[in-house]
Amino acid sequence: MLGNNILQVSADHEEKTDQGYQRRNFVRQYSLPAGVESDKLRPTLTKDGVLTIEGPAPALKASERMVPIEYNDEKEKEK
């Protein structure tokens, strides 16, 4: 984890071949959404080499609110 909610993923792979050695590496950086807690991220790696990183979504601000509507029919009450 780098500062400012930047997640850095890097990998190195080296293997011996008939012609010698083969080495591969990569580095990727991802910006995490504001409010993501880096200590709650959960990385998993499959046997096929697929890396998945999961974590809880930050709390969203409510943009809508429910307003209860009461039915008040004066004509019904008069009957």
PDB file of N, CA and C in Angstrom:
ATOM      1  N   MET A   1       0.847  -1.172   0.000  1.00  0.00           N
ATOM      2  CA  MET A   1       0.000   0.000   0.000  1.00  0.00           C
ATOM      3  C   MET A   1       0.887   1.227   0.000  1.00  0.00           C
ATOM      4  N   LEU A   2       0.652   2.098  -0.923  1.00  0.00           N
ATOM      5  CA  LEU A   2       1.352   3.369  -0.967  1.00  0.00           C
ATOM      6  C   LEU A   2       0.462   4.433  -0.341  1.00  0.00           C
ATOM      7  N   GLY A   3       0.984   5.615  -0.126  1.00  0.00           N
ATOM      8  CA  GLY A   3       0.178   6.686   0.458  1.00  0.00           C
ATOM      9  C   GLY A   3      -0.953   7.106  -0.448  1.00  0.00           C
ATOM     10  N   ASN A   4      -1.891   7.871   0.100  1.00  0.00           N
ATOM     11  CA  ASN A   4      -3.010   8.449  -0.649  1.00  0.00           C
ATOM     12  C   ASN A   4      -3.900   7.407  -1.311  1.00  0.00           C
ATOM     13  N   ASN A   5      -4.138   6.292  -0.620  1.00  0.00           N
ATOM     14  CA  ASN A   5      -5.021   5.229  -1.113  1.00  0.00           C
ATOM     15  C   ASN A   5      -4.600   4.668  -2.471  1.00  0.00           C
ATOM     16  N   ILE A   6      -3.312   4.492  -2.659  1.00  0.00           N
ATOM     17  CA  ILE A   6      -2.789   3.868  -3.865  1.00  0.00           C
ATOM     18  C   ILE A   6      -2.350   2.454  -3.505  1.00  0.00           C
ATOM     19  N   LEU A   7      -2.931   1.463  -4.173  1.00  0.00           N
ATOM     20  CA  LEU A   7      -2.560   0.068  -3.971  1.00  0.00           C
ATOM     21  C   LEU A   7      -1.581  -0.313  -5.070  1.00  0.00           C
ATOM     22  N   GLN A   8      -0.430  -0.835  -4.685  1.00  0.00           N
ATOM     23  CA  GLN A   8       0.572  -1.269  -5.666  1.00  0.00           C
ATOM     24  C   GLN A   8       0.654  -2.787  -5.635  1.00  0.00           C
ATOM     25  N   VAL A   9       0.528  -3.390  -6.812  1.00  0.00           N
ATOM     26  CA  VAL A   9       0.628  -4.835  -6.956  1.00  0.00           C
ATOM     27  C   VAL A   9       1.840  -5.104  -7.839  1.00  0.00           C
ATOM     28  N   SER A  10       2.732  -5.966  -7.366  1.00  0.00           N
ATOM     29  CA  SER A  10       3.903  -6.308  -8.165  1.00  0.00           C
ATOM     30  C   SER A  10       4.146  -7.810  -8.092  1.00  0.00           C
ATOM     31  N   ALA A  11       4.752  -8.350  -9.128  1.00  0.00           N
ATOM     32  CA  ALA A  11       5.043  -9.781  -9.164  1.00  0.00           C
ATOM     33  C   ALA A  11       6.314 -10.013  -9.960  1.00  0.00           C
ATOM     34  N   ASP A  12       7.075 -11.031  -9.544  1.00  0.00           N
ATOM     35  CA  ASP A  12       8.272 -11.483 -10.254  1.00  0.00           C
ATOM     36  C   ASP A  12       8.131 -12.978 -10.480  1.00  0.00           C
ATOM     37  N   HIS A  13       8.508 -13.424 -11.661  1.00  0.00           N
ATOM     38  CA  HIS A  13       8.468 -14.849 -11.986  1.00  0.00           C
ATOM     39  C   HIS A  13       9.753 -15.203 -12.721  1.00  0.00           C
ATOM     40  N   GLU A  14      10.395 -16.241 -12.254  1.00  0.00           N
ATOM     41  CA  GLU A  14      11.630 -16.700 -12.890  1.00  0.00           C
ATOM     42  C   GLU A  14      11.549 -18.206 -13.036  1.00  0.00           C
ATOM     43  N   GLU A  15      11.893 -18.700 -14.222  1.00  0.00           N
ATOM     44  CA  GLU A  15      11.890 -20.144 -14.430  1.00  0.00           C
ATOM     45  C   GLU A  15      13.035 -20.547 -15.351  1.00  0.00           C
ATOM     46  N   LYS A  16      13.481 -21.754 -15.156  1.00  0.00           N
ATOM     47  CA  LYS A  16      14.571 -22.294 -15.960  1.00  0.00           C
ATOM     48  C   LYS A  16      13.972 -23.002 -17.173  1.00  0.00           C
ATOM     49  N   THR A  17      14.500 -22.701 -18.336  1.00  0.00           N
ATOM     50  CA  THR A  17      14.057 -23.341 -19.563  1.00  0.00           C
ATOM     51  C   THR A  17      15.241 -24.074 -20.185  1.00  0.00           C
ATOM     52  N   ASP A  18      14.998 -24.771 -21.280  1.00  0.00           N
ATOM     53  CA  ASP A  18      16.083 -25.469 -21.982  1.00  0.00           C
ATOM     54  C   ASP A  18      17.116 -24.490 -22.534  1.00  0.00           C
ATOM     55  N   GLN A  19      16.682 -23.277 -22.824  1.00  0.00           N
ATOM     56  CA  GLN A  19      17.581 -22.264 -23.383  1.00  0.00           C
ATOM     57  C   GLN A  19      18.224 -21.386 -22.311  1.00  0.00           C
ATOM     58  N   GLY A  20      17.877 -21.545 -21.070  1.00  0.00           N
ATOM     59  CA  GLY A  20      18.424 -20.698 -20.006  1.00  0.00           C
ATOM     60  C   GLY A  20      17.346 -20.339 -19.001  1.00  0.00           C
ATOM     61  N   TYR A  21      17.357 -19.089 -18.581  1.00  0.00           N
ATOM     62  CA  TYR A  21      16.371 -18.613 -17.619  1.00  0.00           C
ATOM     63  C   TYR A  21      15.430 -17.619 -18.278  1.00  0.00           C
ATOM     64  N   GLN A  22      14.211 -17.642 -17.811  1.00  0.00           N
ATOM     65  CA  GLN A  22      13.224 -16.660 -18.272  1.00  0.00           C
ATOM     66  C   GLN A  22      12.719 -15.921 -17.039  1.00  0.00           C
ATOM     67  N   ARG A  23      12.724 -14.602 -17.127  1.00  0.00           N
ATOM     68  CA  ARG A  23      12.280 -13.791 -15.996  1.00  0.00           C
ATOM     69  C   ARG A  23      11.245 -12.782 -16.483  1.00  0.00           C
ATOM     70  N   ARG A  24      10.148 -12.689 -15.715  1.00  0.00           N
ATOM     71  CA  ARG A  24       9.089 -11.722 -16.024  1.00  0.00           C
ATOM     72  C   ARG A  24       8.707 -11.015 -14.735  1.00  0.00           C
ATOM     73  N   ASN A  25       8.335  -9.756 -14.872  1.00  0.00           N
ATOM     74  CA  ASN A  25       7.838  -9.012 -13.717  1.00  0.00           C
ATOM     75  C   ASN A  25       6.890  -7.917 -14.182  1.00  0.00           C
ATOM     76  N   PHE A  26       6.091  -7.465 -13.266  1.00  0.00           N
ATOM     77  CA  PHE A  26       5.207  -6.332 -13.561  1.00  0.00           C
ATOM     78  C   PHE A  26       4.902  -5.586 -12.273  1.00  0.00           C
ATOM     79  N   VAL A  27       4.507  -4.333 -12.442  1.00  0.00           N
ATOM     80  CA  VAL A  27       4.080  -3.478 -11.329  1.00  0.00           C
ATOM     81  C   VAL A  27       2.865  -2.694 -11.814  1.00  0.00           C
ATOM     82  N   ARG A  28       1.795  -2.727 -11.034  1.00  0.00           N
ATOM     83  CA  ARG A  28       0.586  -1.958 -11.346  1.00  0.00           C
ATOM     84  C   ARG A  28       0.184  -1.173 -10.098  1.00  0.00           C
ATOM     85  N   GLN A  29      -0.376  -0.001 -10.320  1.00  0.00           N
ATOM     86  CA  GLN A  29      -0.876   0.816  -9.225  1.00  0.00           C
ATOM     87  C   GLN A  29      -2.343   1.141  -9.482  1.00  0.00           C
ATOM     88  N   TYR A  30      -3.126   1.048  -8.432  1.00  0.00           N
ATOM     89  CA  TYR A  30      -4.564   1.292  -8.528  1.00  0.00           C
ATOM     90  C   TYR A  30      -4.980   2.304  -7.462  1.00  0.00           C
ATOM     91  N   SER A  31      -5.803   3.250  -7.858  1.00  0.00           N
ATOM     92  CA  SER A  31      -6.366   4.221  -6.906  1.00  0.00           C
ATOM     93  C   SER A  31      -7.605   3.605  -6.281  1.00  0.00           C
ATOM     94  N   LEU A  32      -7.629   3.569  -4.970  1.00  0.00           N
ATOM     95  CA  LEU A  32      -8.791   3.041  -4.262  1.00  0.00           C
ATOM     96  C   LEU A  32      -9.791   4.157  -4.026  1.00  0.00           C
ATOM     97  N   PRO A  33     -11.078   3.824  -3.994  1.00  0.00           N
ATOM     98  CA  PRO A  33     -12.083   4.852  -3.720  1.00  0.00           C
ATOM     99  C   PRO A  33     -11.873   5.466  -2.339  1.00  0.00           C
ATOM    100  N   ALA A  34     -12.264   6.707  -2.194  1.00  0.00           N
ATOM    101  CA  ALA A  34     -12.161   7.381  -0.897  1.00  0.00           C
ATOM    102  C   ALA A  34     -12.961   6.608   0.139  1.00  0.00           C
ATOM    103  N   GLY A  35     -12.407   6.472   1.311  1.00  0.00           N
ATOM    104  CA  GLY A  35     -13.097   5.788   2.392  1.00  0.00           C
ATOM    105  C   GLY A  35     -12.776   4.314   2.533  1.00  0.00           C
ATOM    106  N   VAL A  36     -12.045   3.733   1.576  1.00  0.00           N
ATOM    107  CA  VAL A  36     -11.677   2.319   1.672  1.00  0.00           C
ATOM    108  C   VAL A  36     -10.576   2.174   2.715  1.00  0.00           C
ATOM    109  N   GLU A  37     -10.764   1.241   3.639  1.00  0.00           N
ATOM    110  CA  GLU A  37      -9.773   0.997   4.678  1.00  0.00           C
ATOM    111  C   GLU A  37      -8.822  -0.092   4.187  1.00  0.00           C
ATOM    112  N   SER A  38      -7.569   0.275   3.971  1.00  0.00           N
ATOM    113  CA  SER A  38      -6.610  -0.648   3.386  1.00  0.00           C
ATOM    114  C   SER A  38      -6.342  -1.864   4.255  1.00  0.00           C
ATOM    115  N   ASP A  39      -6.503  -1.738   5.564  1.00  0.00           N
ATOM    116  CA  ASP A  39      -6.244  -2.883   6.439  1.00  0.00           C
ATOM    117  C   ASP A  39      -7.352  -3.932   6.375  1.00  0.00           C
ATOM    118  N   LYS A  40      -8.436  -3.626   5.666  1.00  0.00           N
ATOM    119  CA  LYS A  40      -9.532  -4.584   5.521  1.00  0.00           C
ATOM    120  C   LYS A  40      -9.570  -5.240   4.145  1.00  0.00           C
ATOM    121  N   LEU A  41      -8.565  -4.975   3.305  1.00  0.00           N
ATOM    122  CA  LEU A  41      -8.493  -5.615   1.997  1.00  0.00           C
ATOM    123  C   LEU A  41      -8.094  -7.076   2.168  1.00  0.00           C
ATOM    124  N   ARG A  42      -8.682  -7.961   1.336  1.00  0.00           N
ATOM    125  CA  ARG A  42      -8.401  -9.390   1.407  1.00  0.00           C
ATOM    126  C   ARG A  42      -7.941  -9.891   0.042  1.00  0.00           C
ATOM    127  N   PRO A  43      -6.632 -10.149  -0.120  1.00  0.00           N
ATOM    128  CA  PRO A  43      -6.152 -10.687  -1.396  1.00  0.00           C
ATOM    129  C   PRO A  43      -6.244 -12.216  -1.416  1.00  0.00           C
ATOM    130  N   THR A  44      -6.592 -12.761  -2.574  1.00  0.00           N
ATOM    131  CA  THR A  44      -6.584 -14.212  -2.773  1.00  0.00           C
ATOM    132  C   THR A  44      -5.936 -14.498  -4.120  1.00  0.00           C
ATOM    133  N   LEU A  45      -5.241 -15.620  -4.198  1.00  0.00           N
ATOM    134  CA  LEU A  45      -4.565 -16.029  -5.427  1.00  0.00           C
ATOM    135  C   LEU A  45      -5.003 -17.446  -5.756  1.00  0.00           C
ATOM    136  N   THR A  46      -5.518 -17.649  -6.971  1.00  0.00           N
ATOM    137  CA  THR A  46      -5.960 -18.978  -7.387  1.00  0.00           C
ATOM    138  C   THR A  46      -4.770 -19.800  -7.862  1.00  0.00           C
ATOM    139  N   LYS A  47      -5.007 -21.093  -8.047  1.00  0.00           N
ATOM    140  CA  LYS A  47      -3.964 -21.978  -8.567  1.00  0.00           C
ATOM    141  C   LYS A  47      -3.540 -21.563  -9.981  1.00  0.00           C
ATOM    142  N   ASP A  48      -4.463 -20.927 -10.702  1.00  0.00           N
ATOM    143  CA  ASP A  48      -4.174 -20.460 -12.061  1.00  0.00           C
ATOM    144  C   ASP A  48      -3.428 -19.139 -12.078  1.00  0.00           C
ATOM    145  N   GLY A  49      -3.191 -18.554 -10.915  1.00  0.00           N
ATOM    146  CA  GLY A  49      -2.454 -17.304 -10.836  1.00  0.00           C
ATOM    147  C   GLY A  49      -3.293 -16.045 -10.949  1.00  0.00           C
ATOM    148  N   VAL A  50      -4.601 -16.169 -10.711  1.00  0.00           N
ATOM    149  CA  VAL A  50      -5.486 -15.003 -10.775  1.00  0.00           C
ATOM    150  C   VAL A  50      -5.550 -14.375  -9.383  1.00  0.00           C
ATOM    151  N   LEU A  51      -5.154 -13.119  -9.306  1.00  0.00           N
ATOM    152  CA  LEU A  51      -5.182 -12.375  -8.052  1.00  0.00           C
ATOM    153  C   LEU A  51      -6.481 -11.590  -7.960  1.00  0.00           C
ATOM    154  N   THR A  52      -7.169 -11.745  -6.829  1.00  0.00           N
ATOM    155  CA  THR A  52      -8.387 -10.985  -6.552  1.00  0.00           C
ATOM    156  C   THR A  52      -8.193 -10.274  -5.225  1.00  0.00           C
ATOM    157  N   ILE A  53      -8.541  -9.007  -5.190  1.00  0.00           N
ATOM    158  CA  ILE A  53      -8.448  -8.228  -3.952  1.00  0.00           C
ATOM    159  C   ILE A  53      -9.834  -7.689  -3.658  1.00  0.00           C
ATOM    160  N   GLU A  54     -10.360  -8.066  -2.503  1.00  0.00           N
ATOM    161  CA  GLU A  54     -11.701  -7.638  -2.113  1.00  0.00           C
ATOM    162  C   GLU A  54     -11.642  -6.866  -0.807  1.00  0.00           C
ATOM    163  N   GLY A  55     -12.613  -6.016  -0.626  1.00  0.00           N
ATOM    164  CA  GLY A  55     -12.722  -5.261   0.613  1.00  0.00           C
ATOM    165  C   GLY A  55     -14.094  -4.646   0.716  1.00  0.00           C
ATOM    166  N   PRO A  56     -14.483  -4.248   1.926  1.00  0.00           N
ATOM    167  CA  PRO A  56     -15.801  -3.645   2.097  1.00  0.00           C
ATOM    168  C   PRO A  56     -15.874  -2.279   1.415  1.00  0.00           C
ATOM    169  N   ALA A  57     -17.019  -2.012   0.826  1.00  0.00           N
ATOM    170  CA  ALA A  57     -17.236  -0.720   0.179  1.00  0.00           C
ATOM    171  C   ALA A  57     -17.407   0.354   1.248  1.00  0.00           C
ATOM    172  N   PRO A  58     -16.954   1.554   0.964  1.00  0.00           N
ATOM    173  CA  PRO A  58     -17.146   2.636   1.939  1.00  0.00           C
ATOM    174  C   PRO A  58     -18.631   2.972   2.071  1.00  0.00           C
ATOM    175  N   ALA A  59     -18.991   3.514   3.200  1.00  0.00           N
ATOM    176  CA  ALA A  59     -20.382   3.902   3.427  1.00  0.00           C
ATOM    177  C   ALA A  59     -20.771   4.993   2.429  1.00  0.00           C
ATOM    178  N   LEU A  60     -21.927   4.846   1.867  1.00  0.00           N
ATOM    179  CA  LEU A  60     -22.420   5.825   0.905  1.00  0.00           C
ATOM    180  C   LEU A  60     -23.308   6.840   1.604  1.00  0.00           C
ATOM    181  N   LYS A  61     -23.275   8.057   1.133  1.00  0.00           N
ATOM    182  CA  LYS A  61     -24.154   9.091   1.674  1.00  0.00           C
ATOM    183  C   LYS A  61     -25.543   8.895   1.086  1.00  0.00           C
ATOM    184  N   ALA A  62     -26.522   9.044   1.916  1.00  0.00           N
ATOM    185  CA  ALA A  62     -27.899   8.872   1.455  1.00  0.00           C
ATOM    186  C   ALA A  62     -28.293  10.040   0.563  1.00  0.00           C
ATOM    187  N   SER A  63     -28.720   9.740  -0.635  1.00  0.00           N
ATOM    188  CA  SER A  63     -29.161  10.797  -1.536  1.00  0.00           C
ATOM    189  C   SER A  63     -30.686  10.866  -1.584  1.00  0.00           C
ATOM    190  N   GLU A  64     -31.336   9.863  -1.022  1.00  0.00           N
ATOM    191  CA  GLU A  64     -32.788   9.837  -0.983  1.00  0.00           C
ATOM    192  C   GLU A  64     -33.224   9.482   0.427  1.00  0.00           C
ATOM    193  N   ARG A  65     -34.415   9.852   0.754  1.00  0.00           N
ATOM    194  CA  ARG A  65     -34.956   9.445   2.044  1.00  0.00           C
ATOM    195  C   ARG A  65     -36.416   9.092   1.864  1.00  0.00           C
ATOM    196  N   MET A  66     -36.864   8.181   2.687  1.00  0.00           N
ATOM    197  CA  MET A  66     -38.245   7.738   2.629  1.00  0.00           C
ATOM    198  C   MET A  66     -39.090   8.671   3.488  1.00  0.00           C
ATOM    199  N   VAL A  67     -40.206   9.123   2.941  1.00  0.00           N
ATOM    200  CA  VAL A  67     -41.149   9.970   3.667  1.00  0.00           C
ATOM    201  C   VAL A  67     -42.469   9.218   3.704  1.00  0.00           C
ATOM    202  N   PRO A  68     -42.911   8.804   4.907  1.00  0.00           N
ATOM    203  CA  PRO A  68     -44.176   8.066   4.975  1.00  0.00           C
ATOM    204  C   PRO A  68     -45.354   8.974   4.625  1.00  0.00           C
ATOM    205  N   ILE A  69     -46.303   8.416   3.931  1.00  0.00           N
ATOM    206  CA  ILE A  69     -47.506   9.158   3.543  1.00  0.00           C
ATOM    207  C   ILE A  69     -48.685   8.532   4.264  1.00  0.00           C
ATOM    208  N   GLU A  70     -49.366   9.342   5.024  1.00  0.00           N
ATOM    209  CA  GLU A  70     -50.543   8.871   5.741  1.00  0.00           C
ATOM    210  C   GLU A  70     -51.779   9.181   4.911  1.00  0.00           C
ATOM    211  N   TYR A  71     -52.661   8.209   4.840  1.00  0.00           N
ATOM    212  CA  TYR A  71     -53.899   8.381   4.102  1.00  0.00           C
ATOM    213  C   TYR A  71     -54.932   8.981   5.030  1.00  0.00           C
ATOM    214  N   ASN A  72     -55.455  10.133   4.656  1.00  0.00           N
ATOM    215  CA  ASN A  72     -56.431  10.822   5.489  1.00  0.00           C
ATOM    216  C   ASN A  72     -57.568  11.273   4.585  1.00  0.00           C
ATOM    217  N   ASP A  73     -58.605  10.474   4.526  1.00  0.00           N
ATOM    218  CA  ASP A  73     -59.743  10.806   3.678  1.00  0.00           C
ATOM    219  C   ASP A  73     -60.903  11.241   4.571  1.00  0.00           C
ATOM    220  N   GLU A  74     -61.194  12.535   4.603  1.00  0.00           N
ATOM    221  CA  GLU A  74     -62.242  13.081   5.458  1.00  0.00           C
ATOM    222  C   GLU A  74     -63.605  12.490   5.103  1.00  0.00           C
ATOM    223  N   LYS A  75     -63.869  12.193   3.851  1.00  0.00           N
ATOM    224  CA  LYS A  75     -65.162  11.646   3.437  1.00  0.00           C
ATOM    225  C   LYS A  75     -65.359  10.251   4.036  1.00  0.00           C
ATOM    226  N   GLU A  76     -64.325   9.464   4.133  1.00  0.00           N
ATOM    227  CA  GLU A  76     -64.417   8.125   4.721  1.00  0.00           C
ATOM    228  C   GLU A  76     -64.758   8.204   6.206  1.00  0.00           C
ATOM    229  N   LYS A  77     -64.217   9.210   6.885  1.00  0.00           N
ATOM    230  CA  LYS A  77     -64.457   9.357   8.317  1.00  0.00           C
ATOM    231  C   LYS A  77     -65.890   9.773   8.602  1.00  0.00           C
ATOM    232  N   GLU A  78     -66.532  10.535   7.681  1.00  0.00           N
ATOM    233  CA  GLU A  78     -67.884  11.024   7.886  1.00  0.00           C
ATOM    234  C   GLU A  78     -68.912   9.907   7.764  1.00  0.00           C
ATOM    235  N   LYS A  79     -68.592   8.826   7.083  1.00  0.00           N
ATOM    236  CA  LYS A  79     -69.567   7.752   6.867  1.00  0.00           C
ATOM    237  C   LYS A  79     -69.765   6.920   8.047  1.00  0.00           C
TER     238      LYS A  79
END
